[in-house]
N, C-alpha and C. Protein backbone atom coordinates (compact mmCIF):
# COMPACT_ATOMS: atom_id res chain seq x y z
N MET A 1 2.41 -46.99 -177.93
CA MET A 1 1.26 -46.79 -177.05
C MET A 1 0.06 -46.42 -177.92
N ASP A 2 -1.07 -47.04 -177.64
CA ASP A 2 -2.28 -46.69 -178.33
C ASP A 2 -3.09 -45.78 -177.52
N ALA A 3 -4.16 -45.26 -178.13
CA ALA A 3 -4.97 -44.22 -177.46
C ALA A 3 -5.67 -44.66 -176.18
N ASP A 4 -5.89 -45.97 -176.06
CA ASP A 4 -6.50 -46.51 -174.81
C ASP A 4 -5.50 -46.44 -173.64
N GLU A 5 -4.19 -46.43 -173.87
CA GLU A 5 -3.17 -46.37 -172.89
C GLU A 5 -2.78 -44.93 -172.49
N LEU A 6 -3.07 -44.00 -173.33
CA LEU A 6 -2.70 -42.58 -173.18
C LEU A 6 -3.37 -42.00 -171.95
N ASP A 7 -2.61 -41.29 -171.12
CA ASP A 7 -3.19 -40.56 -169.96
C ASP A 7 -3.70 -39.18 -170.48
N TRP A 8 -4.93 -39.15 -170.86
CA TRP A 8 -5.45 -37.93 -171.50
C TRP A 8 -5.49 -36.76 -170.47
N ASN A 9 -5.70 -37.06 -169.25
CA ASN A 9 -5.72 -35.95 -168.28
C ASN A 9 -4.33 -35.32 -168.16
N ARG A 10 -3.32 -36.07 -168.14
CA ARG A 10 -1.94 -35.58 -168.04
C ARG A 10 -1.62 -34.85 -169.34
N THR A 11 -2.01 -35.40 -170.43
CA THR A 11 -1.74 -34.75 -171.82
C THR A 11 -2.43 -33.40 -171.86
N LEU A 12 -3.65 -33.32 -171.43
CA LEU A 12 -4.35 -31.99 -171.50
C LEU A 12 -3.71 -31.01 -170.48
N ARG A 13 -3.25 -31.42 -169.34
CA ARG A 13 -2.61 -30.49 -168.43
C ARG A 13 -1.24 -30.07 -168.98
N GLU A 14 -0.56 -31.00 -169.57
CA GLU A 14 0.76 -30.64 -170.12
C GLU A 14 0.67 -29.69 -171.31
N GLN A 15 -0.47 -29.74 -172.07
CA GLN A 15 -0.59 -28.75 -173.16
C GLN A 15 -0.46 -27.34 -172.59
N TRP A 16 -1.11 -27.03 -171.49
CA TRP A 16 -1.01 -25.75 -170.88
C TRP A 16 0.35 -25.55 -170.14
N GLU A 17 0.71 -26.54 -169.28
CA GLU A 17 1.84 -26.41 -168.42
C GLU A 17 3.11 -26.18 -169.21
N PHE A 18 3.23 -26.87 -170.31
CA PHE A 18 4.48 -26.70 -171.18
C PHE A 18 4.57 -25.27 -171.68
N HIS A 19 3.43 -24.72 -172.23
CA HIS A 19 3.40 -23.38 -172.73
C HIS A 19 3.74 -22.42 -171.60
N TRP A 20 3.12 -22.58 -170.40
CA TRP A 20 3.29 -21.65 -169.30
C TRP A 20 4.75 -21.75 -168.90
N ASN A 21 5.28 -22.88 -168.68
CA ASN A 21 6.63 -23.04 -168.04
C ASN A 21 7.75 -22.72 -169.05
N HIS A 22 7.52 -22.87 -170.35
CA HIS A 22 8.62 -22.69 -171.29
C HIS A 22 8.46 -21.50 -172.20
N GLN A 23 7.32 -20.88 -172.20
CA GLN A 23 7.17 -19.69 -173.05
C GLN A 23 6.59 -18.49 -172.37
N LEU A 24 5.60 -18.63 -171.51
CA LEU A 24 4.85 -17.48 -171.01
C LEU A 24 5.41 -16.94 -169.67
N ARG A 25 5.64 -17.84 -168.67
CA ARG A 25 5.90 -17.42 -167.38
C ARG A 25 7.09 -16.44 -167.32
N ALA A 26 8.18 -16.79 -167.93
CA ALA A 26 9.37 -15.89 -167.95
C ALA A 26 9.11 -14.55 -168.68
N ARG A 27 8.23 -14.63 -169.63
CA ARG A 27 7.93 -13.43 -170.41
C ARG A 27 7.03 -12.44 -169.65
N ILE A 28 6.34 -12.81 -168.60
CA ILE A 28 5.55 -11.94 -167.85
C ILE A 28 6.07 -11.64 -166.47
N ASP A 29 7.14 -12.33 -166.06
CA ASP A 29 7.83 -12.04 -164.82
C ASP A 29 8.38 -10.57 -164.87
N GLY A 30 8.32 -9.88 -163.74
CA GLY A 30 8.80 -8.47 -163.71
C GLY A 30 7.89 -7.49 -164.38
N LEU A 31 6.68 -7.82 -164.72
CA LEU A 31 5.77 -6.90 -165.28
C LEU A 31 5.64 -5.69 -164.40
N THR A 32 5.81 -4.46 -164.90
CA THR A 32 5.72 -3.28 -164.12
C THR A 32 4.34 -2.70 -164.17
N ASP A 33 4.07 -1.80 -163.24
CA ASP A 33 2.74 -1.10 -163.22
C ASP A 33 2.62 -0.25 -164.42
N ASP A 34 3.69 0.37 -164.92
CA ASP A 34 3.62 1.19 -166.07
C ASP A 34 3.19 0.38 -167.28
N GLU A 35 3.81 -0.86 -167.44
CA GLU A 35 3.41 -1.70 -168.52
C GLU A 35 1.95 -2.20 -168.36
N PHE A 36 1.61 -2.53 -167.12
CA PHE A 36 0.28 -3.07 -166.84
C PHE A 36 -0.84 -2.09 -167.21
N PHE A 37 -0.63 -0.81 -166.97
CA PHE A 37 -1.71 0.17 -167.25
C PHE A 37 -1.49 0.87 -168.60
N TRP A 38 -0.37 0.64 -169.25
CA TRP A 38 0.02 1.34 -170.52
C TRP A 38 -1.03 1.15 -171.61
N SER A 39 -1.33 2.27 -172.29
CA SER A 39 -2.24 2.19 -173.43
C SER A 39 -1.57 2.79 -174.64
N PRO A 40 -1.31 2.01 -175.66
CA PRO A 40 -0.74 2.60 -176.88
C PRO A 40 -1.63 3.27 -177.77
N VAL A 41 -2.99 3.21 -177.40
CA VAL A 41 -4.00 3.94 -178.22
C VAL A 41 -4.94 4.73 -177.26
N PRO A 42 -5.56 5.76 -177.80
CA PRO A 42 -6.57 6.41 -176.98
C PRO A 42 -7.76 5.61 -176.64
N ASP A 43 -8.35 5.81 -175.49
CA ASP A 43 -9.59 5.15 -175.11
C ASP A 43 -9.54 3.68 -175.03
N ALA A 44 -8.42 3.11 -174.72
CA ALA A 44 -8.31 1.67 -174.61
C ALA A 44 -9.06 1.28 -173.26
N TRP A 45 -9.64 0.10 -173.33
CA TRP A 45 -10.23 -0.38 -172.05
C TRP A 45 -9.14 -0.88 -171.17
N SER A 46 -9.38 -0.66 -169.84
CA SER A 46 -8.35 -1.06 -168.86
C SER A 46 -9.01 -1.42 -167.52
N VAL A 47 -8.31 -1.54 -166.52
CA VAL A 47 -8.69 -1.59 -165.10
C VAL A 47 -8.33 -0.24 -164.58
N ARG A 48 -9.27 0.43 -163.86
CA ARG A 48 -9.04 1.76 -163.44
C ARG A 48 -9.55 1.98 -161.98
N PRO A 49 -9.03 3.03 -161.33
CA PRO A 49 -9.64 3.34 -160.03
C PRO A 49 -11.15 3.65 -160.23
N ARG A 50 -11.88 3.20 -159.26
CA ARG A 50 -13.34 3.31 -159.28
C ARG A 50 -13.72 4.75 -159.57
N GLY A 51 -14.64 4.98 -160.51
CA GLY A 51 -15.14 6.32 -160.80
C GLY A 51 -14.32 7.06 -161.81
N SER A 52 -13.25 6.45 -162.42
CA SER A 52 -12.44 7.21 -163.34
C SER A 52 -12.61 6.68 -164.77
N SER A 53 -13.47 5.71 -165.01
CA SER A 53 -13.68 5.10 -166.33
C SER A 53 -14.65 5.93 -167.16
N THR A 54 -14.44 5.97 -168.54
CA THR A 54 -15.46 6.55 -169.37
C THR A 54 -16.14 5.47 -170.21
N ALA A 55 -15.83 4.20 -169.98
CA ALA A 55 -16.46 3.12 -170.69
C ALA A 55 -17.90 3.00 -170.40
N PRO A 56 -18.77 2.47 -171.31
CA PRO A 56 -20.14 2.40 -171.03
C PRO A 56 -20.60 1.69 -169.75
N MET A 57 -19.78 0.72 -169.36
CA MET A 57 -20.04 -0.02 -168.07
C MET A 57 -18.72 -0.28 -167.36
N GLN A 58 -18.79 -0.38 -166.06
CA GLN A 58 -17.63 -0.73 -165.26
C GLN A 58 -18.06 -1.84 -164.20
N PHE A 59 -17.26 -2.81 -164.08
CA PHE A 59 -17.53 -3.84 -163.14
C PHE A 59 -16.46 -4.00 -162.14
N GLY A 60 -16.77 -4.46 -160.94
CA GLY A 60 -15.81 -4.70 -159.87
C GLY A 60 -16.33 -4.37 -158.53
N ALA A 61 -15.83 -5.00 -157.54
CA ALA A 61 -16.35 -4.86 -156.13
C ALA A 61 -15.40 -4.02 -155.33
N GLY A 62 -14.15 -3.75 -155.74
CA GLY A 62 -13.15 -3.15 -154.91
C GLY A 62 -12.85 -1.70 -155.40
N ASP A 63 -11.65 -1.30 -155.19
CA ASP A 63 -11.25 0.08 -155.50
C ASP A 63 -10.98 0.25 -157.01
N PHE A 64 -10.84 -0.84 -157.71
CA PHE A 64 -10.64 -0.79 -159.23
C PHE A 64 -11.78 -1.54 -159.91
N THR A 65 -12.09 -1.05 -161.10
CA THR A 65 -13.08 -1.65 -161.96
C THR A 65 -12.53 -1.92 -163.32
N ILE A 66 -13.16 -2.81 -164.00
CA ILE A 66 -12.85 -3.19 -165.39
C ILE A 66 -13.79 -2.57 -166.34
N ASP A 67 -13.28 -1.99 -167.43
CA ASP A 67 -14.11 -1.39 -168.44
C ASP A 67 -14.91 -2.43 -169.17
N TYR A 68 -16.07 -2.18 -169.60
CA TYR A 68 -16.97 -3.15 -170.32
C TYR A 68 -18.10 -2.41 -171.04
N ALA A 69 -18.72 -3.18 -171.95
CA ALA A 69 -19.91 -2.74 -172.66
C ALA A 69 -20.64 -3.95 -173.14
N PHE A 70 -21.95 -3.81 -173.15
CA PHE A 70 -22.76 -4.93 -173.65
C PHE A 70 -24.00 -4.29 -174.46
N PRO A 71 -24.07 -4.58 -175.70
CA PRO A 71 -23.12 -5.35 -176.49
C PRO A 71 -21.81 -4.62 -176.64
N GLY A 72 -20.78 -5.38 -177.06
CA GLY A 72 -19.47 -4.83 -177.20
C GLY A 72 -19.43 -3.89 -178.42
N PRO A 73 -18.50 -2.91 -178.39
CA PRO A 73 -18.38 -2.02 -179.50
C PRO A 73 -17.84 -2.66 -180.74
N VAL A 74 -18.10 -2.07 -181.88
CA VAL A 74 -17.63 -2.54 -183.15
C VAL A 74 -16.85 -1.36 -183.73
N PRO A 75 -15.56 -1.48 -184.06
CA PRO A 75 -14.77 -2.66 -183.71
C PRO A 75 -14.51 -2.79 -182.23
N SER A 76 -14.06 -3.94 -181.82
CA SER A 76 -13.84 -4.22 -180.40
C SER A 76 -12.88 -3.18 -179.85
N ALA A 77 -13.07 -2.86 -178.58
CA ALA A 77 -12.10 -1.91 -177.92
C ALA A 77 -10.75 -2.58 -177.83
N PHE A 78 -9.74 -1.71 -177.97
CA PHE A 78 -8.37 -2.19 -177.63
C PHE A 78 -8.27 -2.33 -176.15
N THR A 79 -7.61 -3.26 -175.68
CA THR A 79 -7.45 -3.48 -174.25
C THR A 79 -5.99 -3.50 -173.74
N THR A 80 -5.77 -3.00 -172.52
CA THR A 80 -4.47 -2.97 -171.92
C THR A 80 -4.10 -4.32 -171.33
N ILE A 81 -2.86 -4.43 -170.87
CA ILE A 81 -2.43 -5.67 -170.23
C ILE A 81 -3.34 -5.84 -168.97
N ALA A 82 -3.62 -4.74 -168.26
CA ALA A 82 -4.46 -4.85 -167.03
C ALA A 82 -5.81 -5.46 -167.37
N TRP A 83 -6.45 -4.99 -168.45
CA TRP A 83 -7.77 -5.56 -168.85
C TRP A 83 -7.68 -6.95 -169.25
N ARG A 84 -6.63 -7.32 -170.07
CA ARG A 84 -6.48 -8.75 -170.53
C ARG A 84 -6.26 -9.67 -169.36
N LEU A 85 -5.39 -9.25 -168.36
CA LEU A 85 -5.19 -10.12 -167.27
C LEU A 85 -6.46 -10.22 -166.38
N GLY A 86 -7.20 -9.11 -166.20
CA GLY A 86 -8.44 -9.19 -165.50
C GLY A 86 -9.46 -10.13 -166.19
N HIS A 87 -9.49 -10.12 -167.51
CA HIS A 87 -10.30 -11.04 -168.22
C HIS A 87 -9.91 -12.49 -167.96
N VAL A 88 -8.60 -12.80 -168.08
CA VAL A 88 -8.09 -14.16 -167.92
C VAL A 88 -8.39 -14.61 -166.46
N ILE A 89 -8.02 -13.77 -165.52
CA ILE A 89 -8.16 -14.11 -164.12
C ILE A 89 -9.62 -14.43 -163.74
N VAL A 90 -10.49 -13.56 -164.18
CA VAL A 90 -11.94 -13.70 -163.74
C VAL A 90 -12.77 -14.51 -164.73
N GLY A 91 -12.85 -14.05 -165.94
CA GLY A 91 -13.75 -14.65 -166.98
C GLY A 91 -13.30 -16.01 -167.46
N VAL A 92 -11.97 -16.19 -167.62
CA VAL A 92 -11.56 -17.52 -168.07
C VAL A 92 -11.28 -18.50 -166.89
N LEU A 93 -10.67 -18.07 -165.83
CA LEU A 93 -10.30 -18.99 -164.76
C LEU A 93 -11.27 -18.95 -163.54
N ALA A 94 -11.41 -17.88 -162.83
CA ALA A 94 -12.06 -17.80 -161.53
C ALA A 94 -13.49 -18.30 -161.65
N ALA A 95 -14.25 -17.76 -162.77
CA ALA A 95 -15.65 -18.22 -162.88
C ALA A 95 -15.71 -19.68 -163.17
N ARG A 96 -14.78 -20.29 -163.90
CA ARG A 96 -14.80 -21.67 -164.17
C ARG A 96 -14.38 -22.49 -162.93
N ASN A 97 -13.40 -21.97 -162.21
CA ASN A 97 -12.99 -22.58 -160.94
C ASN A 97 -14.14 -22.67 -160.00
N ALA A 98 -14.96 -21.62 -159.92
CA ALA A 98 -16.17 -21.63 -159.04
C ALA A 98 -17.21 -22.58 -159.60
N ALA A 99 -17.46 -22.60 -160.86
CA ALA A 99 -18.52 -23.42 -161.45
C ALA A 99 -18.22 -24.90 -161.43
N HIS A 100 -16.93 -25.27 -161.48
CA HIS A 100 -16.64 -26.70 -161.65
C HIS A 100 -15.76 -27.33 -160.57
N PHE A 101 -15.02 -26.44 -159.81
CA PHE A 101 -14.05 -27.01 -158.87
C PHE A 101 -14.21 -26.48 -157.47
N GLY A 102 -15.45 -26.00 -157.09
CA GLY A 102 -15.69 -25.64 -155.70
C GLY A 102 -15.01 -24.41 -155.19
N ALA A 103 -14.38 -23.53 -156.03
CA ALA A 103 -13.81 -22.33 -155.63
C ALA A 103 -14.90 -21.31 -155.28
N PRO A 104 -14.52 -20.25 -154.56
CA PRO A 104 -15.59 -19.19 -154.24
C PRO A 104 -16.19 -18.63 -155.53
N ALA A 105 -17.40 -18.23 -155.42
CA ALA A 105 -18.09 -17.58 -156.55
C ALA A 105 -17.27 -16.41 -157.04
N ALA A 106 -17.29 -16.25 -158.38
CA ALA A 106 -16.52 -15.18 -159.03
C ALA A 106 -17.27 -14.72 -160.22
N SER A 107 -17.28 -13.41 -160.48
CA SER A 107 -17.86 -12.85 -161.70
C SER A 107 -17.22 -11.44 -161.93
N TYR A 108 -17.34 -10.97 -163.13
CA TYR A 108 -16.84 -9.67 -163.42
C TYR A 108 -17.36 -8.58 -162.47
N GLU A 109 -18.66 -8.74 -162.16
CA GLU A 109 -19.27 -7.74 -161.26
C GLU A 109 -18.76 -7.76 -159.74
N THR A 110 -18.37 -8.95 -159.30
CA THR A 110 -18.01 -9.08 -157.90
C THR A 110 -16.50 -9.14 -157.61
N TRP A 111 -15.68 -9.18 -158.64
CA TRP A 111 -14.27 -9.38 -158.45
C TRP A 111 -13.63 -8.11 -157.93
N GLU A 112 -12.61 -8.30 -157.08
CA GLU A 112 -11.80 -7.16 -156.63
C GLU A 112 -10.52 -7.14 -157.57
N TYR A 113 -10.59 -6.30 -158.55
CA TYR A 113 -9.53 -6.24 -159.58
C TYR A 113 -8.25 -5.63 -158.95
N ALA A 114 -7.13 -6.16 -159.47
CA ALA A 114 -5.80 -5.72 -159.05
C ALA A 114 -5.53 -4.30 -159.39
N GLY A 115 -4.93 -3.57 -158.45
CA GLY A 115 -4.51 -2.17 -158.73
C GLY A 115 -3.01 -2.08 -159.06
N SER A 116 -2.36 -3.29 -159.20
CA SER A 116 -0.97 -3.38 -159.54
C SER A 116 -0.69 -4.55 -160.36
N ALA A 117 0.45 -4.52 -160.97
CA ALA A 117 0.85 -5.66 -161.83
C ALA A 117 1.15 -6.88 -160.90
N ALA A 118 1.91 -6.62 -159.82
CA ALA A 118 2.27 -7.70 -158.94
C ALA A 118 1.01 -8.36 -158.37
N THR A 119 0.05 -7.62 -158.01
CA THR A 119 -1.21 -8.27 -157.46
C THR A 119 -1.91 -9.06 -158.49
N ALA A 120 -1.96 -8.54 -159.73
CA ALA A 120 -2.58 -9.30 -160.82
C ALA A 120 -1.93 -10.57 -161.07
N LEU A 121 -0.59 -10.60 -161.04
CA LEU A 121 0.16 -11.82 -161.27
C LEU A 121 -0.05 -12.82 -160.23
N ASP A 122 -0.12 -12.34 -158.94
CA ASP A 122 -0.46 -13.26 -157.82
C ASP A 122 -1.86 -13.84 -158.05
N GLN A 123 -2.83 -13.02 -158.45
CA GLN A 123 -4.19 -13.53 -158.67
C GLN A 123 -4.11 -14.60 -159.83
N LEU A 124 -3.39 -14.34 -160.85
CA LEU A 124 -3.29 -15.23 -161.98
C LEU A 124 -2.72 -16.56 -161.49
N GLU A 125 -1.64 -16.49 -160.75
CA GLU A 125 -0.98 -17.75 -160.25
C GLU A 125 -1.95 -18.58 -159.36
N ALA A 126 -2.68 -17.85 -158.54
CA ALA A 126 -3.65 -18.51 -157.62
C ALA A 126 -4.69 -19.24 -158.43
N GLN A 127 -5.28 -18.53 -159.44
CA GLN A 127 -6.35 -19.12 -160.20
C GLN A 127 -5.84 -20.29 -161.13
N LEU A 128 -4.63 -20.15 -161.59
CA LEU A 128 -4.02 -21.24 -162.38
C LEU A 128 -3.81 -22.47 -161.53
N ASP A 129 -3.40 -22.26 -160.29
CA ASP A 129 -3.22 -23.36 -159.36
C ASP A 129 -4.52 -24.15 -159.18
N VAL A 130 -5.60 -23.37 -158.86
CA VAL A 130 -6.92 -23.97 -158.64
C VAL A 130 -7.34 -24.77 -159.88
N TRP A 131 -7.19 -24.08 -161.03
CA TRP A 131 -7.59 -24.75 -162.31
C TRP A 131 -6.88 -26.08 -162.51
N LEU A 132 -5.58 -26.07 -162.41
CA LEU A 132 -4.82 -27.31 -162.67
C LEU A 132 -5.11 -28.38 -161.65
N ALA A 133 -5.31 -27.95 -160.40
CA ALA A 133 -5.63 -28.98 -159.39
C ALA A 133 -7.01 -29.60 -159.71
N GLY A 134 -7.94 -28.72 -160.16
CA GLY A 134 -9.26 -29.15 -160.50
C GLY A 134 -9.27 -30.14 -161.75
N VAL A 135 -8.49 -29.72 -162.75
CA VAL A 135 -8.41 -30.62 -163.91
C VAL A 135 -7.80 -31.94 -163.53
N ARG A 136 -6.70 -31.94 -162.73
CA ARG A 136 -6.04 -33.16 -162.25
C ARG A 136 -7.03 -34.04 -161.49
N GLY A 137 -7.85 -33.41 -160.67
CA GLY A 137 -8.85 -34.18 -159.91
C GLY A 137 -9.92 -34.77 -160.70
N LEU A 138 -10.11 -34.38 -161.95
CA LEU A 138 -11.12 -35.00 -162.82
C LEU A 138 -10.78 -36.40 -163.16
N GLY A 139 -9.44 -36.72 -163.18
CA GLY A 139 -8.98 -38.02 -163.64
C GLY A 139 -9.45 -38.22 -165.10
N GLU A 140 -9.43 -39.50 -165.51
CA GLU A 140 -9.83 -39.76 -166.88
C GLU A 140 -11.37 -39.82 -167.09
N ALA A 141 -12.07 -40.34 -166.14
CA ALA A 141 -13.51 -40.45 -166.23
C ALA A 141 -14.16 -39.05 -166.24
N GLY A 142 -13.63 -38.14 -165.37
CA GLY A 142 -14.24 -36.81 -165.26
C GLY A 142 -14.13 -36.00 -166.50
N LEU A 143 -13.18 -36.31 -167.39
CA LEU A 143 -13.02 -35.59 -168.68
C LEU A 143 -14.16 -35.85 -169.59
N ARG A 144 -14.84 -36.99 -169.36
CA ARG A 144 -15.99 -37.43 -170.27
C ARG A 144 -17.33 -36.90 -169.74
N VAL A 145 -17.39 -36.33 -168.54
CA VAL A 145 -18.67 -35.95 -167.93
C VAL A 145 -19.06 -34.62 -168.62
N PRO A 146 -20.38 -34.52 -169.01
CA PRO A 146 -20.87 -33.26 -169.55
C PRO A 146 -20.62 -32.05 -168.65
N VAL A 147 -20.34 -30.91 -169.15
CA VAL A 147 -20.01 -29.72 -168.36
C VAL A 147 -21.24 -29.25 -167.59
N GLY A 148 -22.48 -29.48 -168.17
CA GLY A 148 -23.69 -29.05 -167.53
C GLY A 148 -24.09 -27.68 -167.77
N ALA A 149 -25.16 -27.26 -167.19
CA ALA A 149 -25.84 -26.00 -167.44
C ALA A 149 -25.00 -24.78 -167.13
N LYS A 150 -23.87 -24.89 -166.47
CA LYS A 150 -23.06 -23.76 -166.14
C LYS A 150 -22.31 -23.24 -167.35
N GLU A 151 -22.32 -23.97 -168.43
CA GLU A 151 -21.62 -23.59 -169.67
C GLU A 151 -22.57 -23.50 -170.83
N PRO A 152 -22.16 -22.74 -171.87
CA PRO A 152 -23.03 -22.58 -173.05
C PRO A 152 -23.43 -23.93 -173.74
N PHE A 153 -22.57 -24.89 -173.76
CA PHE A 153 -22.80 -26.18 -174.44
C PHE A 153 -22.86 -27.24 -173.36
N PRO A 154 -23.98 -27.41 -172.69
CA PRO A 154 -24.02 -28.28 -171.48
C PRO A 154 -23.73 -29.77 -171.77
N GLU A 155 -23.99 -30.15 -172.98
CA GLU A 155 -23.63 -31.64 -173.25
C GLU A 155 -22.22 -31.89 -173.54
N ALA A 156 -21.44 -30.85 -173.81
CA ALA A 156 -20.00 -31.01 -174.13
C ALA A 156 -19.25 -31.65 -172.99
N PRO A 157 -18.31 -32.56 -173.21
CA PRO A 157 -17.55 -33.12 -172.14
C PRO A 157 -16.58 -32.12 -171.52
N MET A 158 -16.19 -32.33 -170.27
CA MET A 158 -15.20 -31.51 -169.61
C MET A 158 -13.95 -31.36 -170.42
N ALA A 159 -13.58 -32.42 -171.20
CA ALA A 159 -12.33 -32.29 -171.97
C ALA A 159 -12.42 -31.16 -172.97
N ASP A 160 -13.62 -30.93 -173.56
CA ASP A 160 -13.76 -29.84 -174.44
C ASP A 160 -13.53 -28.50 -173.71
N LEU A 161 -14.08 -28.34 -172.49
CA LEU A 161 -13.88 -27.14 -171.72
C LEU A 161 -12.46 -26.94 -171.40
N VAL A 162 -11.71 -27.97 -171.00
CA VAL A 162 -10.34 -27.84 -170.63
C VAL A 162 -9.51 -27.38 -171.92
N LEU A 163 -9.78 -27.94 -173.04
CA LEU A 163 -9.10 -27.48 -174.23
C LEU A 163 -9.47 -26.00 -174.55
N HIS A 164 -10.71 -25.66 -174.39
CA HIS A 164 -11.14 -24.22 -174.65
C HIS A 164 -10.35 -23.33 -173.65
N ILE A 165 -10.31 -23.63 -172.42
CA ILE A 165 -9.67 -22.78 -171.46
C ILE A 165 -8.14 -22.69 -171.75
N HIS A 166 -7.61 -23.73 -172.11
CA HIS A 166 -6.16 -23.68 -172.44
C HIS A 166 -5.88 -22.84 -173.68
N ARG A 167 -6.76 -22.92 -174.63
CA ARG A 167 -6.63 -22.06 -175.88
C ARG A 167 -6.79 -20.59 -175.43
N GLU A 168 -7.78 -20.34 -174.54
CA GLU A 168 -7.96 -18.92 -174.11
C GLU A 168 -6.69 -18.37 -173.37
N LEU A 169 -6.14 -19.25 -172.52
CA LEU A 169 -4.90 -18.81 -171.75
C LEU A 169 -3.76 -18.57 -172.74
N ILE A 170 -3.55 -19.49 -173.63
CA ILE A 170 -2.45 -19.33 -174.57
C ILE A 170 -2.64 -18.06 -175.45
N HIS A 171 -3.90 -17.85 -175.87
CA HIS A 171 -4.21 -16.71 -176.71
C HIS A 171 -3.93 -15.41 -175.99
N HIS A 172 -4.65 -15.22 -174.87
CA HIS A 172 -4.66 -13.91 -174.18
C HIS A 172 -3.30 -13.63 -173.43
N LEU A 173 -2.64 -14.60 -173.01
CA LEU A 173 -1.36 -14.34 -172.32
C LEU A 173 -0.27 -14.08 -173.44
N SER A 174 -0.42 -14.66 -174.56
CA SER A 174 0.51 -14.31 -175.70
C SER A 174 0.29 -12.89 -176.12
N GLU A 175 -0.96 -12.37 -176.09
CA GLU A 175 -1.26 -10.94 -176.34
C GLU A 175 -0.51 -10.11 -175.28
N VAL A 176 -0.54 -10.52 -174.03
CA VAL A 176 0.14 -9.76 -172.95
C VAL A 176 1.58 -9.64 -173.34
N CYS A 177 2.25 -10.76 -173.76
CA CYS A 177 3.69 -10.76 -174.09
C CYS A 177 3.90 -9.81 -175.25
N LEU A 178 3.00 -9.77 -176.25
CA LEU A 178 3.17 -8.92 -177.39
C LEU A 178 3.11 -7.46 -176.99
N LEU A 179 2.14 -7.18 -176.04
CA LEU A 179 2.05 -5.79 -175.56
C LEU A 179 3.32 -5.42 -174.80
N ARG A 180 3.86 -6.31 -174.07
CA ARG A 180 5.17 -5.99 -173.37
C ARG A 180 6.22 -5.73 -174.37
N ASP A 181 6.30 -6.47 -175.43
CA ASP A 181 7.26 -6.27 -176.49
C ASP A 181 7.06 -4.84 -177.08
N LEU A 182 5.80 -4.50 -177.42
CA LEU A 182 5.46 -3.16 -177.99
C LEU A 182 5.94 -2.05 -177.04
N TYR A 183 5.61 -2.22 -175.77
CA TYR A 183 5.98 -1.25 -174.78
C TYR A 183 7.50 -1.09 -174.76
N LEU A 184 8.22 -2.23 -174.75
CA LEU A 184 9.69 -2.10 -174.68
C LEU A 184 10.29 -1.33 -175.88
N HIS A 185 9.71 -1.56 -177.07
CA HIS A 185 10.16 -1.00 -178.29
C HIS A 185 9.73 0.44 -178.54
N THR A 186 8.64 0.76 -177.82
CA THR A 186 8.03 2.11 -177.91
C THR A 186 8.59 3.09 -176.88
N LYS A 187 8.85 2.57 -175.69
CA LYS A 187 9.30 3.38 -174.59
C LYS A 187 10.67 2.84 -174.01
N PRO A 188 11.67 2.67 -174.86
CA PRO A 188 12.93 2.09 -174.33
C PRO A 188 13.59 2.95 -173.21
N ALA A 189 13.47 4.26 -173.31
CA ALA A 189 14.14 5.13 -172.31
C ALA A 189 13.49 4.94 -170.95
N THR A 190 12.29 4.60 -170.81
CA THR A 190 11.60 4.47 -169.49
C THR A 190 11.70 3.06 -168.97
N ASN A 191 12.13 2.14 -169.77
CA ASN A 191 12.21 0.71 -169.25
C ASN A 191 13.58 0.12 -169.49
N GLY A 192 14.37 0.05 -168.43
CA GLY A 192 15.74 -0.44 -168.53
C GLY A 192 15.76 -1.97 -168.58
N ALA A 193 14.68 -2.59 -168.35
CA ALA A 193 14.68 -4.13 -168.39
C ALA A 193 14.86 -4.65 -169.75
N THR A 194 15.54 -5.81 -169.84
CA THR A 194 15.73 -6.48 -171.10
C THR A 194 15.12 -7.83 -171.02
N ARG A 195 14.59 -8.28 -172.12
CA ARG A 195 13.93 -9.61 -172.13
C ARG A 195 14.53 -10.35 -173.28
């Protein structure tokens, strides 16, 4: 098969879907609230009940907000699983789904952050479904269309954005898995689950 016959849209989707289905999904199933909010270091950024954060900024429209600062601290703040999932759900997926695939508007400021691990995983699954349906709907021709002014590099083709989002998903969700491993090995008496 030569490059002209390759189904690039399917190949790009499978880059993410394979990683999700064979490496990540099973690793985040059963995430507990204790793991979700656990902080192995003091002053880690997280998702917190409104009014309880000490971070320079807090964003969110509901009962929970996400810690934030602009410009970011140096070194970067350590972040909990709750924070990392909030970032992936909103900044990586929901904002792009809104900008490119007709989903409702989404931003760090307006999002209703999850107050539990189960709710965050439901939000993640919902945003992933919208993302993959949107990418599938691009077909081959849509992958070549410039992303436009909604992205930092407006002349870049949608294929570049798809690759970027998939790298972000693999990167941040692998961090979530690592934090679950650290939790399991740090707090074995409180966590009877085995992975």
